Amino acid sequence: MKIRGLIPATLTPFKDDQSVDHDALAHHIRQVASASGLFGLAVNGHAGEVLALSSSERQQIVATTRAHLPAPLHLIAGVESHSVDGLIREALMAKEAGADMLLVVPPFDVRVYRHLAHHADSVLPVFQRLEKEVSLPMIVFQYPEAAGCSYSLDVLEQLCALDQVVAIKASAGTPAKYAQWHDRLARHVALLPAADSPSLLGMLLHDAPGALIGISVVGTQQWSDLVYEATEGSAQKAKDINRQFAVPLMRSIFEYHMHWTPTCPFGATKEALVQLGQFSSSWVRPPGVNVNDAKKREIRQSLQAVGLLAGLAL
């Protein structure tokens, strides 16, 4: 399977009663999918607050997305569980609801399991069961090493030998680390940069095939243009888009602040869509923290600065 282009990681809108707003979700899917240059859309990732969703909610989100996603685009469903049997159930439910591919969140992301992510004897059987019992193409979710739950390069290389592992969501942290992963793995699978911060451009310019990022639901066409120019077009045009469009949004919405304030970056992304008239609420489920008024003003300023929200008073 050849993977090229942008894969936006979509959000999960909620109603006032805190249930999933499927009408708003359908609008969100159509809005994001209207951009050109996409490979597909990812749902039920961390941007979609997968950890705060029940199994039935996750399946219903996949079904709603399937109903509103244009046929040429691939539907990639995040699956998450600390139990291998639970992970299989989640994957089968996603497949039943219409997923084309899986984004496999590490089942080792809990303290007593984290060291196991470095051991093929622990990791390979998980993905072998997914391959045998679910039979859908898989994207391996690779965390930054600083997260404490990152697969070793040796383990990743063995995972890439599985027929249905087709890509890695590479949260490398830095272009240098992405280059190290790329040089070992890119001949086997698509290594997709996953950075909602300025390090994204350096990763894209290292012969990346595309990207899988959450911030790209805000002004999706411009993000798709950035990915195209950096991977297939003009590096100078990519640098211009990055400087004029991407970095101001990154600064106000995502990783520039997520480690230093309690604001949830997905709430900030939702707030950007509220200000653009695409969402009615930026509410996130606990333990996520909703945006405050100061953050809302900062987001409005950045949307104006990049031309997505013009002519409005601050």
C-alpha atoms as a PDB file:
ATOM      1  CA  MET A   1       0.000   0.000   0.000  1.00  0.00           C
ATOM      2  CA  LYS A   2       1.430   3.359  -1.053  1.00  0.00           C
ATOM      3  CA  ILE A   3       0.743   6.089   1.485  1.00  0.00           C
ATOM      4  CA  ARG A   4       1.338   9.663   0.398  1.00  0.00           C
ATOM      5  CA  GLY A   5      -0.090  12.957   1.581  1.00  0.00           C
ATOM      6  CA  LEU A   6      -1.653  14.361   4.707  1.00  0.00           C
ATOM      7  CA  ILE A   7      -3.715  12.364   7.201  1.00  0.00           C
ATOM      8  CA  PRO A   8      -5.536  14.768   9.542  1.00  0.00           C
ATOM      9  CA  ALA A   9      -6.359  13.391  12.991  1.00  0.00           C
ATOM     10  CA  THR A  10      -9.934  14.505  13.598  1.00  0.00           C
ATOM     11  CA  LEU A  11     -11.627  15.681  16.795  1.00  0.00           C
ATOM     12  CA  THR A  12     -14.668  14.458  18.709  1.00  0.00           C
ATOM     13  CA  PRO A  13     -17.303  17.153  19.306  1.00  0.00           C
ATOM     14  CA  PHE A  14     -19.600  16.877  22.325  1.00  0.00           C
ATOM     15  CA  LYS A  15     -23.105  18.143  23.092  1.00  0.00           C
ATOM     16  CA  ASP A  16     -24.061  20.101  26.204  1.00  0.00           C
ATOM     17  CA  ASP A  17     -24.979  16.824  27.911  1.00  0.00           C
ATOM     18  CA  GLN A  18     -21.429  15.590  27.184  1.00  0.00           C
ATOM     19  CA  SER A  19     -22.544  12.956  24.669  1.00  0.00           C
ATOM     20  CA  VAL A  20     -20.903  12.704  21.245  1.00  0.00           C
ATOM     21  CA  ASP A  21     -22.435  15.172  18.786  1.00  0.00           C
ATOM     22  CA  HIS A  22     -22.711  13.053  15.645  1.00  0.00           C
ATOM     23  CA  ASP A  23     -24.243  15.835  13.547  1.00  0.00           C
ATOM     24  CA  ALA A  24     -21.275  18.075  14.349  1.00  0.00           C
ATOM     25  CA  LEU A  25     -18.922  15.163  13.739  1.00  0.00           C
ATOM     26  CA  ALA A  26     -20.404  14.550  10.293  1.00  0.00           C
ATOM     27  CA  HIS A  27     -19.922  18.239   9.436  1.00  0.00           C
ATOM     28  CA  HIS A  28     -16.351  18.085  10.762  1.00  0.00           C
ATOM     29  CA  ILE A  29     -15.539  15.045   8.635  1.00  0.00           C
ATOM     30  CA  ARG A  30     -16.961  16.624   5.473  1.00  0.00           C
ATOM     31  CA  GLN A  31     -15.144  19.911   6.151  1.00  0.00           C
ATOM     32  CA  VAL A  32     -11.740  18.309   6.682  1.00  0.00           C
ATOM     33  CA  ALA A  33     -12.186  15.813   3.836  1.00  0.00           C
ATOM     34  CA  SER A  34     -12.944  18.613   1.365  1.00  0.00           C
ATOM     35  CA  ALA A  35      -9.233  19.495   1.160  1.00  0.00           C
ATOM     36  CA  SER A  36      -7.192  18.098  -1.696  1.00  0.00           C
ATOM     37  CA  GLY A  37      -4.033  16.053  -1.259  1.00  0.00           C
ATOM     38  CA  LEU A  38      -5.251  13.853   1.582  1.00  0.00           C
ATOM     39  CA  PHE A  39      -4.569  10.137   1.926  1.00  0.00           C
ATOM     40  CA  GLY A  40      -7.309   9.693   4.484  1.00  0.00           C
ATOM     41  CA  LEU A  41      -8.623  10.733   7.898  1.00  0.00           C
ATOM     42  CA  ALA A  42      -7.794   9.305  11.308  1.00  0.00           C
ATOM     43  CA  VAL A  43     -10.472   9.076  13.997  1.00  0.00           C
ATOM     44  CA  ASN A  44     -10.300   7.963  17.634  1.00  0.00           C
ATOM     45  CA  GLY A  45      -6.706   9.047  18.077  1.00  0.00           C
ATOM     46  CA  HIS A  46      -5.469  11.147  20.967  1.00  0.00           C
ATOM     47  CA  ALA A  47      -6.805  14.235  19.165  1.00  0.00           C
ATOM     48  CA  GLY A  48     -10.203  12.522  19.149  1.00  0.00           C
ATOM     49  CA  GLU A  49      -9.938  11.953  22.935  1.00  0.00           C
ATOM     50  CA  VAL A  50      -9.942   8.191  22.478  1.00  0.00           C
ATOM     51  CA  LEU A  51      -9.003   7.607  26.111  1.00  0.00           C
ATOM     52  CA  ALA A  52     -12.206   9.342  27.240  1.00  0.00           C
ATOM     53  CA  LEU A  53     -14.500   7.383  24.902  1.00  0.00           C
ATOM     54  CA  SER A  54     -16.306   4.123  25.558  1.00  0.00           C
ATOM     55  CA  SER A  55     -15.958   1.195  23.149  1.00  0.00           C
ATOM     56  CA  SER A  56     -19.457   1.792  21.759  1.00  0.00           C
ATOM     57  CA  GLU A  57     -18.751   5.515  21.276  1.00  0.00           C
ATOM     58  CA  ARG A  58     -15.563   4.689  19.385  1.00  0.00           C
ATOM     59  CA  GLN A  59     -17.441   2.324  17.102  1.00  0.00           C
ATOM     60  CA  GLN A  60     -20.227   4.836  16.482  1.00  0.00           C
ATOM     61  CA  ILE A  61     -17.644   7.499  15.589  1.00  0.00           C
ATOM     62  CA  VAL A  62     -16.139   5.156  12.989  1.00  0.00           C
ATOM     63  CA  ALA A  63     -19.620   4.455  11.570  1.00  0.00           C
ATOM     64  CA  THR A  64     -20.468   8.167  11.322  1.00  0.00           C
ATOM     65  CA  THR A  65     -17.153   8.883   9.650  1.00  0.00           C
ATOM     66  CA  ARG A  66     -17.664   6.037   7.182  1.00  0.00           C
ATOM     67  CA  ALA A  67     -21.057   7.469   6.208  1.00  0.00           C
ATOM     68  CA  HIS A  68     -19.638  10.929   5.447  1.00  0.00           C
ATOM     69  CA  LEU A  69     -16.106  10.274   4.195  1.00  0.00           C
ATOM     70  CA  PRO A  70     -15.660  10.410   0.402  1.00  0.00           C
ATOM     71  CA  ALA A  71     -14.864   6.993  -1.026  1.00  0.00           C
ATOM     72  CA  PRO A  72     -11.317   7.700  -2.294  1.00  0.00           C
ATOM     73  CA  LEU A  73     -10.137   8.586   1.211  1.00  0.00           C
ATOM     74  CA  HIS A  74      -9.049   5.946   3.708  1.00  0.00           C
ATOM     75  CA  LEU A  75     -10.685   5.722   7.139  1.00  0.00           C
ATOM     76  CA  ILE A  76      -8.041   5.045   9.788  1.00  0.00           C
ATOM     77  CA  ALA A  77      -9.410   4.109  13.211  1.00  0.00           C
ATOM     78  CA  GLY A  78      -7.393   4.402  16.390  1.00  0.00           C
ATOM     79  CA  VAL A  79      -7.628   1.403  18.684  1.00  0.00           C
ATOM     80  CA  GLU A  80      -6.494   1.413  22.318  1.00  0.00           C
ATOM     81  CA  SER A  81      -6.466  -1.037  25.210  1.00  0.00           C
ATOM     82  CA  HIS A  82      -3.981  -2.267  27.787  1.00  0.00           C
ATOM     83  CA  SER A  83      -5.416  -5.749  27.320  1.00  0.00           C
ATOM     84  CA  VAL A  84      -4.471  -7.606  24.140  1.00  0.00           C
ATOM     85  CA  ASP A  85      -7.905  -9.238  24.022  1.00  0.00           C
ATOM     86  CA  GLY A  86      -9.416  -5.792  24.474  1.00  0.00           C
ATOM     87  CA  LEU A  87      -7.293  -4.437  21.647  1.00  0.00           C
ATOM     88  CA  ILE A  88      -8.536  -7.214  19.366  1.00  0.00           C
ATOM     89  CA  ARG A  89     -12.154  -6.439  20.314  1.00  0.00           C
ATOM     90  CA  GLU A  90     -11.666  -2.729  19.640  1.00  0.00           C
ATOM     91  CA  ALA A  91     -10.101  -3.495  16.256  1.00  0.00           C
ATOM     92  CA  LEU A  92     -12.886  -5.877  15.244  1.00  0.00           C
ATOM     93  CA  MET A  93     -15.508  -3.301  16.254  1.00  0.00           C
ATOM     94  CA  ALA A  94     -13.738  -0.654  14.173  1.00  0.00           C
ATOM     95  CA  LYS A  95     -13.578  -3.009  11.204  1.00  0.00           C
ATOM     96  CA  GLU A  96     -17.272  -3.835  11.527  1.00  0.00           C
ATOM     97  CA  ALA A  97     -18.095  -0.111  11.553  1.00  0.00           C
ATOM     98  CA  GLY A  98     -16.183   0.491   8.314  1.00  0.00           C
ATOM     99  CA  ALA A  99     -12.531   1.203   9.131  1.00  0.00           C
ATOM    100  CA  ASP A 100     -10.064   0.621   6.297  1.00  0.00           C
ATOM    101  CA  MET A 101      -6.975   0.721   8.498  1.00  0.00           C
ATOM    102  CA  LEU A 102      -5.983   0.722  12.152  1.00  0.00           C
ATOM    103  CA  LEU A 103      -3.839   3.156  14.123  1.00  0.00           C
ATOM    104  CA  VAL A 104      -2.592   0.953  16.964  1.00  0.00           C
ATOM    105  CA  VAL A 105      -1.989   2.951  20.142  1.00  0.00           C
ATOM    106  CA  PRO A 106       0.710   1.210  22.242  1.00  0.00           C
ATOM    107  CA  PRO A 107      -0.880  -1.194  24.728  1.00  0.00           C
ATOM    108  CA  PHE A 108       2.303  -0.806  26.803  1.00  0.00           C
ATOM    109  CA  ASP A 109       1.614   2.778  27.899  1.00  0.00           C
ATOM    110  CA  VAL A 110       1.183   2.000  31.580  1.00  0.00           C
ATOM    111  CA  ARG A 111       4.038   1.951  34.055  1.00  0.00           C
ATOM    112  CA  VAL A 112       4.342  -1.784  34.656  1.00  0.00           C
ATOM    113  CA  TYR A 113       4.344  -2.535  30.894  1.00  0.00           C
ATOM    114  CA  ARG A 114       6.475   0.297  29.490  1.00  0.00           C
ATOM    115  CA  HIS A 115       9.779  -1.561  29.554  1.00  0.00           C
ATOM    116  CA  LEU A 116       8.163  -4.324  27.480  1.00  0.00           C
ATOM    117  CA  ALA A 117       7.975  -1.994  24.457  1.00  0.00           C
ATOM    118  CA  HIS A 118      11.699  -2.662  23.967  1.00  0.00           C
ATOM    119  CA  HIS A 119      11.267  -6.415  23.725  1.00  0.00           C
ATOM    120  CA  ALA A 120      10.156  -8.131  20.530  1.00  0.00           C
ATOM    121  CA  ASP A 121       8.919 -11.134  22.511  1.00  0.00           C
ATOM    122  CA  SER A 122       6.273  -8.864  24.058  1.00  0.00           C
ATOM    123  CA  VAL A 123       5.453  -6.632  21.102  1.00  0.00           C
ATOM    124  CA  LEU A 124       5.396  -8.958  18.098  1.00  0.00           C
ATOM    125  CA  PRO A 125       2.697 -11.328  19.402  1.00  0.00           C
ATOM    126  CA  VAL A 126       0.331  -8.379  19.863  1.00  0.00           C
ATOM    127  CA  PHE A 127       0.625  -7.299  16.251  1.00  0.00           C
ATOM    128  CA  GLN A 128       0.666 -10.875  14.979  1.00  0.00           C
ATOM    129  CA  ARG A 129      -2.692 -11.449  16.649  1.00  0.00           C
ATOM    130  CA  LEU A 130      -4.065  -8.257  15.142  1.00  0.00           C
ATOM    131  CA  GLU A 131      -2.819  -9.364  11.734  1.00  0.00           C
ATOM    132  CA  LYS A 132      -4.340 -12.831  12.052  1.00  0.00           C
ATOM    133  CA  GLU A 133      -7.622 -12.047  13.832  1.00  0.00           C
ATOM    134  CA  VAL A 134      -8.527  -8.637  12.385  1.00  0.00           C
ATOM    135  CA  SER A 135      -6.741  -8.544   9.022  1.00  0.00           C
ATOM    136  CA  LEU A 136      -6.596  -4.817   8.365  1.00  0.00           C
ATOM    137  CA  PRO A 137      -3.556  -2.698   7.393  1.00  0.00           C
ATOM    138  CA  MET A 138      -1.966  -1.194  10.493  1.00  0.00           C
ATOM    139  CA  ILE A 139      -0.159   2.017  11.388  1.00  0.00           C
ATOM    140  CA  VAL A 140       2.092   1.574  14.423  1.00  0.00           C
ATOM    141  CA  PHE A 141       1.868   4.498  16.851  1.00  0.00           C
ATOM    142  CA  GLN A 142       5.456   5.278  17.898  1.00  0.00           C
ATOM    143  CA  TYR A 143       5.797   7.665  20.858  1.00  0.00           C
ATOM    144  CA  PRO A 144       8.834   9.905  21.425  1.00  0.00           C
ATOM    145  CA  GLU A 145      11.535   8.237  23.472  1.00  0.00           C
ATOM    146  CA  ALA A 146      10.982  10.779  26.247  1.00  0.00           C
ATOM    147  CA  ALA A 147       7.478   9.374  26.758  1.00  0.00           C
ATOM    148  CA  GLY A 148       8.951   6.222  28.256  1.00  0.00           C
ATOM    149  CA  CYS A 149       6.905   3.985  25.984  1.00  0.00           C
ATOM    150  CA  SER A 150       8.746   4.034  22.684  1.00  0.00           C
ATOM    151  CA  TYR A 151       9.432   0.886  20.677  1.00  0.00           C
ATOM    152  CA  SER A 152      13.114   0.272  20.076  1.00  0.00           C
ATOM    153  CA  LEU A 153      14.405   0.478  16.517  1.00  0.00           C
ATOM    154  CA  ASP A 154      15.060  -3.250  16.524  1.00  0.00           C
ATOM    155  CA  VAL A 155      11.453  -3.943  17.537  1.00  0.00           C
ATOM    156  CA  LEU A 156      10.116  -1.530  14.916  1.00  0.00           C
ATOM    157  CA  GLU A 157      12.191  -3.196  12.229  1.00  0.00           C
ATOM    158  CA  GLN A 158      10.716  -6.571  13.142  1.00  0.00           C
ATOM    159  CA  LEU A 159       7.202  -5.104  13.152  1.00  0.00           C
ATOM    160  CA  CYS A 160       7.822  -3.728   9.664  1.00  0.00           C
ATOM    161  CA  ALA A 161       8.346  -7.289   8.436  1.00  0.00           C
ATOM    162  CA  LEU A 162       4.677  -8.087   9.105  1.00  0.00           C
ATOM    163  CA  ASP A 163       2.586  -7.958   5.948  1.00  0.00           C
ATOM    164  CA  GLN A 164      -0.111  -5.704   7.405  1.00  0.00           C
ATOM    165  CA  VAL A 165       2.117  -3.156   9.110  1.00  0.00           C
ATOM    166  CA  VAL A 166       2.156  -0.471   6.425  1.00  0.00           C
ATOM    167  CA  ALA A 167       3.209   2.689   8.265  1.00  0.00           C
ATOM    168  CA  ILE A 168       4.517   4.197  11.482  1.00  0.00           C
ATOM    169  CA  LYS A 169       3.102   7.324  13.090  1.00  0.00           C
ATOM    170  CA  ALA A 170       6.503   8.715  13.961  1.00  0.00           C
ATOM    171  CA  SER A 171       6.344  11.041  16.948  1.00  0.00           C
ATOM    172  CA  ALA A 172      10.068  11.488  16.763  1.00  0.00           C
ATOM    173  CA  GLY A 173      10.319  14.797  18.617  1.00  0.00           C
ATOM    174  CA  THR A 174      13.208  16.132  16.520  1.00  0.00           C
ATOM    175  CA  PRO A 175      14.210  15.972  12.842  1.00  0.00           C
ATOM    176  CA  ALA A 176      17.450  14.243  13.872  1.00  0.00           C
ATOM    177  CA  LYS A 177      15.571  11.429  15.591  1.00  0.00           C
ATOM    178  CA  TYR A 178      13.152  11.181  12.647  1.00  0.00           C
ATOM    179  CA  ALA A 179      16.138  10.882  10.291  1.00  0.00           C
ATOM    180  CA  GLN A 180      17.528   8.038  12.404  1.00  0.00           C
ATOM    181  CA  TRP A 181      14.205   6.187  12.291  1.00  0.00           C
ATOM    182  CA  HIS A 182      13.756   6.977   8.590  1.00  0.00           C
ATOM    183  CA  ASP A 183      17.148   5.615   7.597  1.00  0.00           C
ATOM    184  CA  ARG A 184      16.366   2.272   9.252  1.00  0.00           C
ATOM    185  CA  LEU A 185      12.680   1.871   8.446  1.00  0.00           C
ATOM    186  CA  ALA A 186      11.563   3.874   5.403  1.00  0.00           C
ATOM    187  CA  ARG A 187      12.526   1.153   2.934  1.00  0.00           C
ATOM    188  CA  HIS A 188       9.954  -1.095   4.618  1.00  0.00           C
ATOM    189  CA  VAL A 189       6.975   1.140   5.464  1.00  0.00           C
ATOM    190  CA  ALA A 190       5.707   4.728   5.245  1.00  0.00           C
ATOM    191  CA  LEU A 191       7.265   6.722   8.093  1.00  0.00           C
ATOM    192  CA  LEU A 192       4.748   9.496   8.790  1.00  0.00           C
ATOM    193  CA  PRO A 193       5.948  12.511  10.809  1.00  0.00           C
ATOM    194  CA  ALA A 194       3.655  13.245  13.741  1.00  0.00           C
ATOM    195  CA  ALA A 195       4.620  16.649  15.103  1.00  0.00           C
ATOM    196  CA  ASP A 196       2.320  19.589  15.753  1.00  0.00           C
ATOM    197  CA  SER A 197       5.375  21.779  16.361  1.00  0.00           C
ATOM    198  CA  PRO A 198       8.024  23.489  14.195  1.00  0.00           C
ATOM    199  CA  SER A 199      10.069  20.290  14.036  1.00  0.00           C
ATOM    200  CA  LEU A 200       7.515  19.029  11.497  1.00  0.00           C
ATOM    201  CA  LEU A 201       9.112  20.824   8.547  1.00  0.00           C
ATOM    202  CA  GLY A 202      12.539  19.280   9.086  1.00  0.00           C
ATOM    203  CA  MET A 203      10.973  15.827   9.226  1.00  0.00           C
ATOM    204  CA  LEU A 204       8.946  16.390   6.065  1.00  0.00           C
ATOM    205  CA  LEU A 205      12.035  17.542   4.187  1.00  0.00           C
ATOM    206  CA  HIS A 206      13.807  14.284   5.064  1.00  0.00           C
ATOM    207  CA  ASP A 207      12.029  12.414   2.272  1.00  0.00           C
ATOM    208  CA  ALA A 208       8.817  11.842   4.239  1.00  0.00           C
ATOM    209  CA  PRO A 209       5.814  10.435   2.318  1.00  0.00           C
ATOM    210  CA  GLY A 210       3.244  12.496   4.234  1.00  0.00           C
ATOM    211  CA  ALA A 211       2.211  13.317   7.802  1.00  0.00           C
ATOM    212  CA  LEU A 212      -0.357  12.341  10.438  1.00  0.00           C
ATOM    213  CA  ILE A 213      -1.116  15.384  12.604  1.00  0.00           C
ATOM    214  CA  GLY A 214      -3.998  16.730  14.669  1.00  0.00           C
ATOM    215  CA  ILE A 215      -3.498  20.466  14.177  1.00  0.00           C
ATOM    216  CA  SER A 216      -4.182  20.008  10.465  1.00  0.00           C
ATOM    217  CA  VAL A 217      -7.961  20.073  11.021  1.00  0.00           C
ATOM    218  CA  VAL A 218      -7.554  23.873  11.314  1.00  0.00           C
ATOM    219  CA  GLY A 219      -7.085  25.169   7.768  1.00  0.00           C
ATOM    220  CA  THR A 220      -6.622  21.672   6.347  1.00  0.00           C
ATOM    221  CA  GLN A 221      -5.855  22.771   2.788  1.00  0.00           C
ATOM    222  CA  GLN A 222      -2.881  24.853   3.887  1.00  0.00           C
ATOM    223  CA  TRP A 223      -1.473  21.935   5.884  1.00  0.00           C
ATOM    224  CA  SER A 224      -1.957  19.666   2.900  1.00  0.00           C
ATOM    225  CA  ASP A 225      -0.144  22.210   0.742  1.00  0.00           C
ATOM    226  CA  LEU A 226       2.715  22.297   3.257  1.00  0.00           C
ATOM    227  CA  VAL A 227       3.050  18.513   3.136  1.00  0.00           C
ATOM    228  CA  TYR A 228       2.925  18.455  -0.661  1.00  0.00           C
ATOM    229  CA  GLU A 229       5.504  21.190  -1.155  1.00  0.00           C
ATOM    230  CA  ALA A 230       7.882  19.687   1.400  1.00  0.00           C
ATOM    231  CA  THR A 231       7.637  16.150   0.011  1.00  0.00           C
ATOM    232  CA  GLU A 232       7.037  16.578  -3.714  1.00  0.00           C
ATOM    233  CA  GLY A 233       7.149  20.252  -4.646  1.00  0.00           C
ATOM    234  CA  SER A 234       9.232  23.272  -3.668  1.00  0.00           C
ATOM    235  CA  ALA A 235      11.178  23.325  -0.415  1.00  0.00           C
ATOM    236  CA  GLN A 236      11.119  27.126  -0.496  1.00  0.00           C
ATOM    237  CA  LYS A 237       7.325  27.170  -0.813  1.00  0.00           C
ATOM    238  CA  ALA A 238       7.151  24.736   2.088  1.00  0.00           C
ATOM    239  CA  LYS A 239       9.328  27.038   4.192  1.00  0.00           C
ATOM    240  CA  ASP A 240       7.079  29.995   3.323  1.00  0.00           C
ATOM    241  CA  ILE A 241       3.893  28.128   4.297  1.00  0.00           C
ATOM    242  CA  ASN A 242       5.555  26.928   7.476  1.00  0.00           C
ATOM    243  CA  ARG A 243       6.671  30.413   8.505  1.00  0.00           C
ATOM    244  CA  GLN A 244       3.543  32.310   7.511  1.00  0.00           C
ATOM    245  CA  PHE A 245       0.859  29.771   8.406  1.00  0.00           C
ATOM    246  CA  ALA A 246       1.969  26.711  10.369  1.00  0.00           C
ATOM    247  CA  VAL A 247       4.190  28.175  13.084  1.00  0.00           C
ATOM    248  CA  PRO A 248       1.715  30.865  14.257  1.00  0.00           C
ATOM    249  CA  LEU A 249      -0.976  28.200  14.686  1.00  0.00           C
ATOM    250  CA  MET A 250       1.427  25.812  16.403  1.00  0.00           C
ATOM    251  CA  ARG A 251       2.393  28.572  18.809  1.00  0.00           C
ATOM    252  CA  SER A 252      -1.172  29.265  19.926  1.00  0.00           C
ATOM    253  CA  ILE A 253      -2.827  25.877  19.613  1.00  0.00           C
ATOM    254  CA  PHE A 254      -0.492  22.995  20.185  1.00  0.00           C
ATOM    255  CA  GLU A 255       2.881  21.913  21.430  1.00  0.00           C
ATOM    256  CA  TYR A 256       4.341  25.316  22.200  1.00  0.00           C
ATOM    257  CA  HIS A 257       2.152  25.371  25.301  1.00  0.00           C
ATOM    258  CA  MET A 258       0.968  21.856  26.060  1.00  0.00           C
ATOM    259  CA  HIS A 259       3.816  20.997  28.432  1.00  0.00           C
ATOM    260  CA  TRP A 260       3.682  24.303  30.298  1.00  0.00           C
ATOM    261  CA  THR A 261      -0.008  24.978  30.957  1.00  0.00           C
ATOM    262  CA  PRO A 262      -2.910  22.719  31.947  1.00  0.00           C
ATOM    263  CA  THR A 263      -4.818  23.615  28.774  1.00  0.00           C
ATOM    264  CA  CYS A 264      -5.592  20.545  26.675  1.00  0.00           C
ATOM    265  CA  PRO A 265      -4.227  21.014  23.140  1.00  0.00           C
ATOM    266  CA  PHE A 266      -7.279  19.295  21.705  1.00  0.00           C
ATOM    267  CA  GLY A 267      -9.471  21.812  23.490  1.00  0.00           C
ATOM    268  CA  ALA A 268      -7.406  24.570  21.918  1.00  0.00           C
ATOM    269  CA  THR A 269      -7.849  22.951  18.500  1.00  0.00           C
ATOM    270  CA  LYS A 270     -11.586  22.733  19.128  1.00  0.00           C
ATOM    271  CA  GLU A 271     -11.641  26.381  20.170  1.00  0.00           C
ATOM    272  CA  ALA A 272     -10.034  27.329  16.849  1.00  0.00           C
ATOM    273  CA  LEU A 273     -12.861  25.511  15.057  1.00  0.00           C
ATOM    274  CA  VAL A 274     -15.435  27.246  17.274  1.00  0.00           C
ATOM    275  CA  GLN A 275     -14.033  30.610  16.208  1.00  0.00           C
ATOM    276  CA  LEU A 276     -14.117  29.486  12.568  1.00  0.00           C
ATOM    277  CA  GLY A 277     -17.803  28.552  12.936  1.00  0.00           C
ATOM    278  CA  GLN A 278     -17.229  24.813  12.526  1.00  0.00           C
ATOM    279  CA  PHE A 279     -17.830  23.686  16.147  1.00  0.00           C
ATOM    280  CA  SER A 280     -20.371  24.972  18.658  1.00  0.00           C
ATOM    281  CA  SER A 281     -18.278  24.083  21.714  1.00  0.00           C
ATOM    282  CA  SER A 282     -14.622  23.526  22.596  1.00  0.00           C
ATOM    283  CA  TRP A 283     -15.491  21.389  25.620  1.00  0.00           C
ATOM    284  CA  VAL A 284     -13.206  18.426  26.317  1.00  0.00           C
ATOM    285  CA  ARG A 285     -13.862  15.483  28.587  1.00  0.00           C
ATOM    286  CA  PRO A 286     -11.942  15.291  31.869  1.00  0.00           C
ATOM    287  CA  PRO A 287      -9.142  15.064  32.751  1.00  0.00           C
ATOM    288  CA  GLY A 288      -8.609  17.439  29.831  1.00  0.00           C
ATOM    289  CA  VAL A 289      -8.824  21.120  30.804  1.00  0.00           C
ATOM    290  CA  ASN A 290     -10.935  23.541  28.793  1.00  0.00           C
ATOM    291  CA  VAL A 291      -9.427  26.695  27.298  1.00  0.00           C
ATOM    292  CA  ASN A 292      -9.624  29.925  29.279  1.00  0.00           C
ATOM    293  CA  ASP A 293     -10.372  33.411  27.989  1.00  0.00           C
ATOM    294  CA  ALA A 294      -6.714  34.355  27.594  1.00  0.00           C
ATOM    295  CA  LYS A 295      -6.087  31.290  25.417  1.00  0.00           C
ATOM    296  CA  LYS A 296      -9.184  32.070  23.354  1.00  0.00           C
ATOM    297  CA  ARG A 297      -7.833  35.549  22.627  1.00  0.00           C
ATOM    298  CA  GLU A 298      -4.443  34.107  21.692  1.00  0.00           C
ATOM    299  CA  ILE A 299      -6.072  31.633  19.312  1.00  0.00           C
ATOM    300  CA  ARG A 300      -8.162  34.387  17.714  1.00  0.00           C
ATOM    301  CA  GLN A 301      -5.037  36.475  17.121  1.00  0.00           C
ATOM    302  CA  SER A 302      -3.257  33.587  15.425  1.00  0.00           C
ATOM    303  CA  LEU A 303      -6.267  32.767  13.226  1.00  0.00           C
ATOM    304  CA  GLN A 304      -6.315  36.390  12.118  1.00  0.00           C
ATOM    305  CA  ALA A 305      -2.551  36.450  11.600  1.00  0.00           C
ATOM    306  CA  VAL A 306      -2.656  33.512   9.192  1.00  0.00           C
ATOM    307  CA  GLY A 307      -5.710  34.756   7.305  1.00  0.00           C
ATOM    308  CA  LEU A 308      -8.244  32.168   8.431  1.00  0.00           C
ATOM    309  CA  LEU A 309     -10.221  34.731  10.411  1.00  0.00           C
ATOM    310  CA  ALA A 310     -10.059  38.171   8.828  1.00  0.00           C
ATOM    311  CA  GLY A 311     -11.545  41.531   9.726  1.00  0.00           C
ATOM    312  CA  LEU A 312     -12.773  40.773  13.234  1.00  0.00           C
ATOM    313  CA  ALA A 313     -12.002  42.851  16.317  1.00  0.00           C
ATOM    314  CA  LEU A 314      -9.698  41.309  18.886  1.00  0.00           C
END
